[in-house]
PDB file of all heavy atoms in Angstrom:
ATOM      1  N   GLU A   1      76.974   4.814  18.219  1.00  0.00           N
ATOM      2  CA  GLU A   1      76.434   3.573  17.630  1.00  0.00           C
ATOM      3  C   GLU A   1      76.909   2.363  18.330  1.00  0.00           C
ATOM      4  O   GLU A   1      78.137   2.213  18.649  1.00  0.00           O
ATOM      5  CB  GLU A   1      76.747   3.470  16.172  1.00  0.00           C
ATOM      6  CG  GLU A   1      76.093   4.450  15.238  1.00  0.00           C
ATOM      7  CD  GLU A   1      76.485   4.229  13.848  1.00  0.00           C
ATOM      8  OE1 GLU A   1      77.133   3.233  13.507  1.00  0.00           O
ATOM      9  OE2 GLU A   1      75.912   4.984  12.936  1.00  0.00           O
ATOM     10  N   GLY A   2      76.028   1.452  18.647  1.00  0.00           N
ATOM     11  CA  GLY A   2      76.313   0.300  19.525  1.00  0.00           C
ATOM     12  C   GLY A   2      76.034   0.457  20.819  1.00  0.00           C
ATOM     13  O   GLY A   2      75.482   1.523  21.239  1.00  0.00           O
ATOM     14  N   ALA A   3      76.392  -0.486  21.642  1.00  0.00           N
ATOM     15  CA  ALA A   3      76.101  -0.443  23.150  1.00  0.00           C
ATOM     16  C   ALA A   3      77.309  -0.886  23.919  1.00  0.00           C
ATOM     17  O   ALA A   3      78.123  -1.619  23.375  1.00  0.00           O
ATOM     18  CB  ALA A   3      74.885  -1.281  23.432  1.00  0.00           C
ATOM     19  N   GLY A   4      77.419  -0.471  25.066  1.00  0.00           N
ATOM     20  CA  GLY A   4      78.419  -0.876  25.998  1.00  0.00           C
ATOM     21  C   GLY A   4      79.794  -0.230  25.686  1.00  0.00           C
ATOM     22  O   GLY A   4      79.879   0.748  24.969  1.00  0.00           O
ATOM     23  N   SER A   5      80.798  -0.947  26.142  1.00  0.00           N
ATOM     24  CA  SER A   5      82.196  -0.382  26.064  1.00  0.00           C
ATOM     25  C   SER A   5      82.715  -0.318  24.572  1.00  0.00           C
ATOM     26  O   SER A   5      83.635   0.445  24.291  1.00  0.00           O
ATOM     27  CB  SER A   5      83.147  -1.115  26.961  1.00  0.00           C
ATOM     28  OG  SER A   5      83.178  -2.423  26.555  1.00  0.00           O
ATOM     29  N   ASP A   6      82.103  -1.123  23.721  1.00  0.00           N
ATOM     30  CA  ASP A   6      82.568  -1.245  22.307  1.00  0.00           C
ATOM     31  C   ASP A   6      81.846  -0.238  21.376  1.00  0.00           C
ATOM     32  O   ASP A   6      82.093  -0.243  20.187  1.00  0.00           O
ATOM     33  CB  ASP A   6      82.409  -2.585  21.826  1.00  0.00           C
ATOM     34  CG  ASP A   6      83.366  -3.598  22.497  1.00  0.00           C
ATOM     35  OD1 ASP A   6      84.432  -3.132  22.895  1.00  0.00           O
ATOM     36  OD2 ASP A   6      83.065  -4.800  22.627  1.00  0.00           O
ATOM     37  N   ALA A   7      80.870   0.594  21.877  1.00  0.00           N
ATOM     38  CA  ALA A   7      80.194   1.540  20.994  1.00  0.00           C
ATOM     39  C   ALA A   7      81.120   2.501  20.456  1.00  0.00           C
ATOM     40  O   ALA A   7      82.193   2.806  20.944  1.00  0.00           O
ATOM     41  CB  ALA A   7      79.170   2.307  21.942  1.00  0.00           C
ATOM     42  N   THR A   8      80.666   2.947  19.165  1.00  0.00           N
ATOM     43  CA  THR A   8      81.509   3.854  18.406  1.00  0.00           C
ATOM     44  C   THR A   8      80.943   5.239  18.525  1.00  0.00           C
ATOM     45  O   THR A   8      79.754   5.479  18.396  1.00  0.00           O
ATOM     46  CB  THR A   8      81.558   3.352  16.901  1.00  0.00           C
ATOM     47  OG1 THR A   8      82.096   2.040  16.942  1.00  0.00           O
ATOM     48  CG2 THR A   8      82.383   4.242  16.109  1.00  0.00           C
ATOM     49  N   VAL A   9      81.748   6.250  18.548  1.00  0.00           N
ATOM     50  CA  VAL A   9      81.375   7.607  18.665  1.00  0.00           C
ATOM     51  C   VAL A   9      81.663   8.382  17.441  1.00  0.00           C
ATOM     52  O   VAL A   9      82.817   8.353  16.909  1.00  0.00           O
ATOM     53  CB  VAL A   9      82.043   8.315  19.959  1.00  0.00           C
ATOM     54  CG1 VAL A   9      81.592   9.745  20.028  1.00  0.00           C
ATOM     55  CG2 VAL A   9      81.819   7.484  21.233  1.00  0.00           C
ATOM     56  N   PHE A  10      80.698   9.088  16.956  1.00  0.00           N
ATOM     57  CA  PHE A  10      80.850   9.896  15.700  1.00  0.00           C
ATOM     58  C   PHE A  10      80.431  11.354  16.136  1.00  0.00           C
ATOM     59  O   PHE A  10      79.551  11.559  16.873  1.00  0.00           O
ATOM     60  CB  PHE A  10      79.842   9.454  14.575  1.00  0.00           C
ATOM     61  CG  PHE A  10      80.055   8.093  14.113  1.00  0.00           C
ATOM     62  CD1 PHE A  10      79.427   6.987  14.702  1.00  0.00           C
ATOM     63  CD2 PHE A  10      80.895   7.834  13.029  1.00  0.00           C
ATOM     64  CE1 PHE A  10      79.659   5.723  14.285  1.00  0.00           C
ATOM     65  CE2 PHE A  10      81.180   6.617  12.602  1.00  0.00           C
ATOM     66  CZ  PHE A  10      80.551   5.534  13.197  1.00  0.00           C
ATOM     67  N   ILE A  11      81.154  12.293  15.490  1.00  0.00           N
ATOM     68  CA  ILE A  11      80.833  13.730  15.684  1.00  0.00           C
ATOM     69  C   ILE A  11      80.603  14.387  14.354  1.00  0.00           C
ATOM     70  O   ILE A  11      81.551  14.305  13.438  1.00  0.00           O
ATOM     71  CB  ILE A  11      81.965  14.429  16.395  1.00  0.00           C
ATOM     72  CG1 ILE A  11      82.284  13.817  17.733  1.00  0.00           C
ATOM     73  CG2 ILE A  11      81.697  15.941  16.585  1.00  0.00           C
ATOM     74  CD1 ILE A  11      83.513  14.320  18.411  1.00  0.00           C
ATOM     75  N   LEU A  12      79.442  14.977  14.066  1.00  0.00           N
ATOM     76  CA  LEU A  12      79.156  15.706  12.874  1.00  0.00           C
ATOM     77  C   LEU A  12      79.592  17.194  13.231  1.00  0.00           C
ATOM     78  O   LEU A  12      78.807  17.872  13.973  1.00  0.00           O
ATOM     79  CB  LEU A  12      77.764  15.544  12.472  1.00  0.00           C
ATOM     80  CG  LEU A  12      77.325  16.257  11.104  1.00  0.00           C
ATOM     81  CD1 LEU A  12      78.121  15.679   9.999  1.00  0.00           C
ATOM     82  CD2 LEU A  12      75.790  16.072  10.925  1.00  0.00           C
ATOM     83  N   ALA A  13      80.623  17.695  12.738  1.00  0.00           N
ATOM     84  CA  ALA A  13      81.122  19.015  13.178  1.00  0.00           C
ATOM     85  C   ALA A  13      81.318  19.874  11.899  1.00  0.00           C
ATOM     86  O   ALA A  13      81.534  19.472  10.758  1.00  0.00           O
ATOM     87  CB  ALA A  13      82.524  18.832  13.743  1.00  0.00           C
ATOM     88  N   SER A  14      80.971  21.191  12.125  1.00  0.00           N
ATOM     89  CA  SER A  14      81.273  22.209  11.169  1.00  0.00           C
ATOM     90  C   SER A  14      82.450  22.991  11.648  1.00  0.00           C
ATOM     91  O   SER A  14      82.307  23.961  12.440  1.00  0.00           O
ATOM     92  CB  SER A  14      80.035  23.005  10.877  1.00  0.00           C
ATOM     93  OG  SER A  14      80.233  24.026   9.910  1.00  0.00           O
ATOM     94  N   ASP A  15      83.651  22.688  11.268  1.00  0.00           N
ATOM     95  CA  ASP A  15      84.800  23.270  11.810  1.00  0.00           C
ATOM     96  C   ASP A  15      85.139  24.704  11.208  1.00  0.00           C
ATOM     97  O   ASP A  15      85.826  25.509  11.844  1.00  0.00           O
ATOM     98  CB  ASP A  15      86.009  22.384  11.588  1.00  0.00           C
ATOM     99  CG  ASP A  15      86.281  22.012  10.133  1.00  0.00           C
ATOM    100  OD1 ASP A  15      85.383  22.131   9.295  1.00  0.00           O
ATOM    101  OD2 ASP A  15      87.424  21.585   9.877  1.00  0.00           O
ATOM    102  N   ASP A  16      84.580  25.004  10.070  1.00  0.00           N
ATOM    103  CA  ASP A  16      84.866  26.410   9.538  1.00  0.00           C
ATOM    104  C   ASP A  16      83.555  27.055   9.100  1.00  0.00           C
ATOM    105  O   ASP A  16      83.639  28.027   8.345  1.00  0.00           O
ATOM    106  CB  ASP A  16      85.712  26.171   8.273  1.00  0.00           C
ATOM    107  CG  ASP A  16      85.211  25.280   7.220  1.00  0.00           C
ATOM    108  OD1 ASP A  16      83.975  24.869   7.398  1.00  0.00           O
ATOM    109  OD2 ASP A  16      85.882  25.126   6.173  1.00  0.00           O
ATOM    110  N   GLY A  17      82.452  26.664   9.679  1.00  0.00           N
ATOM    111  CA  GLY A  17      81.240  27.318   9.330  1.00  0.00           C
ATOM    112  C   GLY A  17      80.695  26.783   7.961  1.00  0.00           C
ATOM    113  O   GLY A  17      79.590  27.286   7.557  1.00  0.00           O
ATOM    114  N   GLY A  18      81.411  26.002   7.321  1.00  0.00           N
ATOM    115  CA  GLY A  18      80.983  25.444   6.031  1.00  0.00           C
ATOM    116  C   GLY A  18      80.163  24.103   6.147  1.00  0.00           C
ATOM    117  O   GLY A  18      79.419  23.979   7.166  1.00  0.00           O
ATOM    118  N   GLU A  19      80.304  23.308   5.229  1.00  0.00           N
ATOM    119  CA  GLU A  19      79.590  21.991   5.180  1.00  0.00           C
ATOM    120  C   GLU A  19      80.070  21.199   6.438  1.00  0.00           C
ATOM    121  O   GLU A  19      81.199  21.005   6.661  1.00  0.00           O
ATOM    122  CB  GLU A  19      79.925  21.273   3.920  1.00  0.00           C
ATOM    123  CG  GLU A  19      79.035  20.176   3.577  1.00  0.00           C
ATOM    124  CD  GLU A  19      77.658  20.575   3.203  1.00  0.00           C
ATOM    125  OE1 GLU A  19      77.353  21.705   2.778  1.00  0.00           O
ATOM    126  OE2 GLU A  19      76.693  19.724   3.527  1.00  0.00           O
ATOM    127  N   PRO A  20      79.037  20.611   7.142  1.00  0.00           N
ATOM    128  CA  PRO A  20      79.459  19.814   8.286  1.00  0.00           C
ATOM    129  C   PRO A  20      80.253  18.528   7.725  1.00  0.00           C
ATOM    130  O   PRO A  20      80.047  18.049   6.694  1.00  0.00           O
ATOM    131  CB  PRO A  20      78.211  19.350   8.849  1.00  0.00           C
ATOM    132  CG  PRO A  20      77.154  20.286   8.383  1.00  0.00           C
ATOM    133  CD  PRO A  20      77.664  20.809   7.076  1.00  0.00           C
ATOM    134  N   LYS A  21      81.121  18.083   8.651  1.00  0.00           N
ATOM    135  CA  LYS A  21      81.981  16.887   8.284  1.00  0.00           C
ATOM    136  C   LYS A  21      81.918  15.933   9.437  1.00  0.00           C
ATOM    137  O   LYS A  21      82.001  16.338  10.632  1.00  0.00           O
ATOM    138  CB  LYS A  21      83.433  17.325   8.110  1.00  0.00           C
ATOM    139  CG  LYS A  21      84.389  16.264   7.766  1.00  0.00           C
ATOM    140  CD  LYS A  21      85.772  16.673   7.410  1.00  0.00           C
ATOM    141  CE  LYS A  21      86.584  15.438   6.988  1.00  0.00           C
ATOM    142  NZ  LYS A  21      87.867  15.854   6.653  1.00  0.00           N
ATOM    143  N   GLU A  22      81.762  14.662   9.143  1.00  0.00           N
ATOM    144  CA  GLU A  22      81.729  13.673  10.249  1.00  0.00           C
ATOM    145  C   GLU A  22      83.023  13.080  10.507  1.00  0.00           C
ATOM    146  O   GLU A  22      83.910  12.681   9.611  1.00  0.00           O
ATOM    147  CB  GLU A  22      80.691  12.576   9.859  1.00  0.00           C
ATOM    148  CG  GLU A  22      80.548  11.479  10.948  1.00  0.00           C
ATOM    149  CD  GLU A  22      79.348  10.620  10.645  1.00  0.00           C
ATOM    150  OE1 GLU A  22      79.515   9.680   9.876  1.00  0.00           O
ATOM    151  OE2 GLU A  22      78.312  10.863  11.349  1.00  0.00           O
ATOM    152  N   TYR A  23      83.362  12.908  11.826  1.00  0.00           N
ATOM    153  CA  TYR A  23      84.582  12.315  12.333  1.00  0.00           C
ATOM    154  C   TYR A  23      84.079  11.192  13.132  1.00  0.00           C
ATOM    155  O   TYR A  23      83.186  11.211  13.877  1.00  0.00           O
ATOM    156  CB  TYR A  23      85.366  13.273  13.203  1.00  0.00           C
ATOM    157  CG  TYR A  23      85.943  14.489  12.443  1.00  0.00           C
ATOM    158  CD1 TYR A  23      85.145  15.670  12.207  1.00  0.00           C
ATOM    159  CD2 TYR A  23      87.203  14.405  11.926  1.00  0.00           C
ATOM    160  CE1 TYR A  23      85.663  16.656  11.579  1.00  0.00           C
ATOM    161  CE2 TYR A  23      87.719  15.512  11.176  1.00  0.00           C
ATOM    162  CZ  TYR A  23      86.947  16.655  10.997  1.00  0.00           C
ATOM    163  OH  TYR A  23      87.493  17.702  10.392  1.00  0.00           O
ATOM    164  N   CYS A  24      84.990  10.137  13.137  1.00  0.00           N
ATOM    165  CA  CYS A  24      84.719   8.957  14.013  1.00  0.00           C
ATOM    166  C   CYS A  24      85.928   8.829  14.984  1.00  0.00           C
ATOM    167  O   CYS A  24      87.069   9.034  14.562  1.00  0.00           O
ATOM    168  CB  CYS A  24      84.712   7.752  13.073  1.00  0.00           C
ATOM    169  SG  CYS A  24      84.571   6.155  13.954  1.00  0.00           S
ATOM    170  N   LEU A  25      85.545   8.616  16.199  1.00  0.00           N
ATOM    171  CA  LEU A  25      86.660   8.431  17.249  1.00  0.00           C
ATOM    172  C   LEU A  25      87.215   6.998  17.015  1.00  0.00           C
ATOM    173  O   LEU A  25      86.420   6.042  16.965  1.00  0.00           O
ATOM    174  CB  LEU A  25      86.118   8.721  18.659  1.00  0.00           C
ATOM    175  CG  LEU A  25      86.230  10.223  18.855  1.00  0.00           C
ATOM    176  CD1 LEU A  25      84.761  10.765  18.866  1.00  0.00           C
ATOM    177  CD2 LEU A  25      86.922  10.420  20.143  1.00  0.00           C
ATOM    178  N   ALA A  26      88.468   6.886  16.979  1.00  0.00           N
ATOM    179  CA  ALA A  26      89.201   5.558  16.770  1.00  0.00           C
ATOM    180  C   ALA A  26      88.912   4.687  17.862  1.00  0.00           C
ATOM    181  O   ALA A  26      88.792   3.401  17.763  1.00  0.00           O
ATOM    182  CB  ALA A  26      90.660   5.702  16.494  1.00  0.00           C
ATOM    183  N   GLU A  27      88.923   5.164  19.161  1.00  0.00           N
ATOM    184  CA  GLU A  27      88.680   4.353  20.324  1.00  0.00           C
ATOM    185  C   GLU A  27      87.246   4.177  20.670  1.00  0.00           C
ATOM    186  O   GLU A  27      86.401   5.148  20.384  1.00  0.00           O
ATOM    187  CB  GLU A  27      89.451   4.994  21.553  1.00  0.00           C
ATOM    188  CG  GLU A  27      90.925   4.993  21.367  1.00  0.00           C
ATOM    189  CD  GLU A  27      91.425   6.156  20.448  1.00  0.00           C
ATOM    190  OE1 GLU A  27      90.692   7.063  20.109  1.00  0.00           O
ATOM    191  OE2 GLU A  27      92.600   6.093  20.078  1.00  0.00           O
ATOM    192  N   PRO A  28      86.836   3.044  21.169  1.00  0.00           N
ATOM    193  CA  PRO A  28      85.516   2.799  21.522  1.00  0.00           C
ATOM    194  C   PRO A  28      85.152   3.477  22.745  1.00  0.00           C
ATOM    195  O   PRO A  28      85.997   4.079  23.564  1.00  0.00           O
ATOM    196  CB  PRO A  28      85.457   1.221  21.782  1.00  0.00           C
ATOM    197  CG  PRO A  28      86.814   0.844  22.080  1.00  0.00           C
ATOM    198  CD  PRO A  28      87.715   1.760  21.356  1.00  0.00           C
ATOM    199  N   LEU A  29      83.841   3.711  23.059  1.00  0.00           N
ATOM    200  CA  LEU A  29      83.281   4.409  24.162  1.00  0.00           C
ATOM    201  C   LEU A  29      83.957   4.082  25.530  1.00  0.00           C
ATOM    202  O   LEU A  29      84.317   5.074  26.188  1.00  0.00           O
ATOM    203  CB  LEU A  29      81.800   4.303  24.204  1.00  0.00           C
ATOM    204  CG  LEU A  29      81.028   5.113  25.250  1.00  0.00           C
ATOM    205  CD1 LEU A  29      81.170   6.663  24.863  1.00  0.00           C
ATOM    206  CD2 LEU A  29      79.622   4.746  25.279  1.00  0.00           C
TER     207      LEU A  29
END
């Protein structure tokens, strides 16, 4: 989300095969 070096990265992961969970990376792109 966003553009350039300040963009934010999110990952929608299913770590245990269950319900997907969203994580946000603290550092910008």
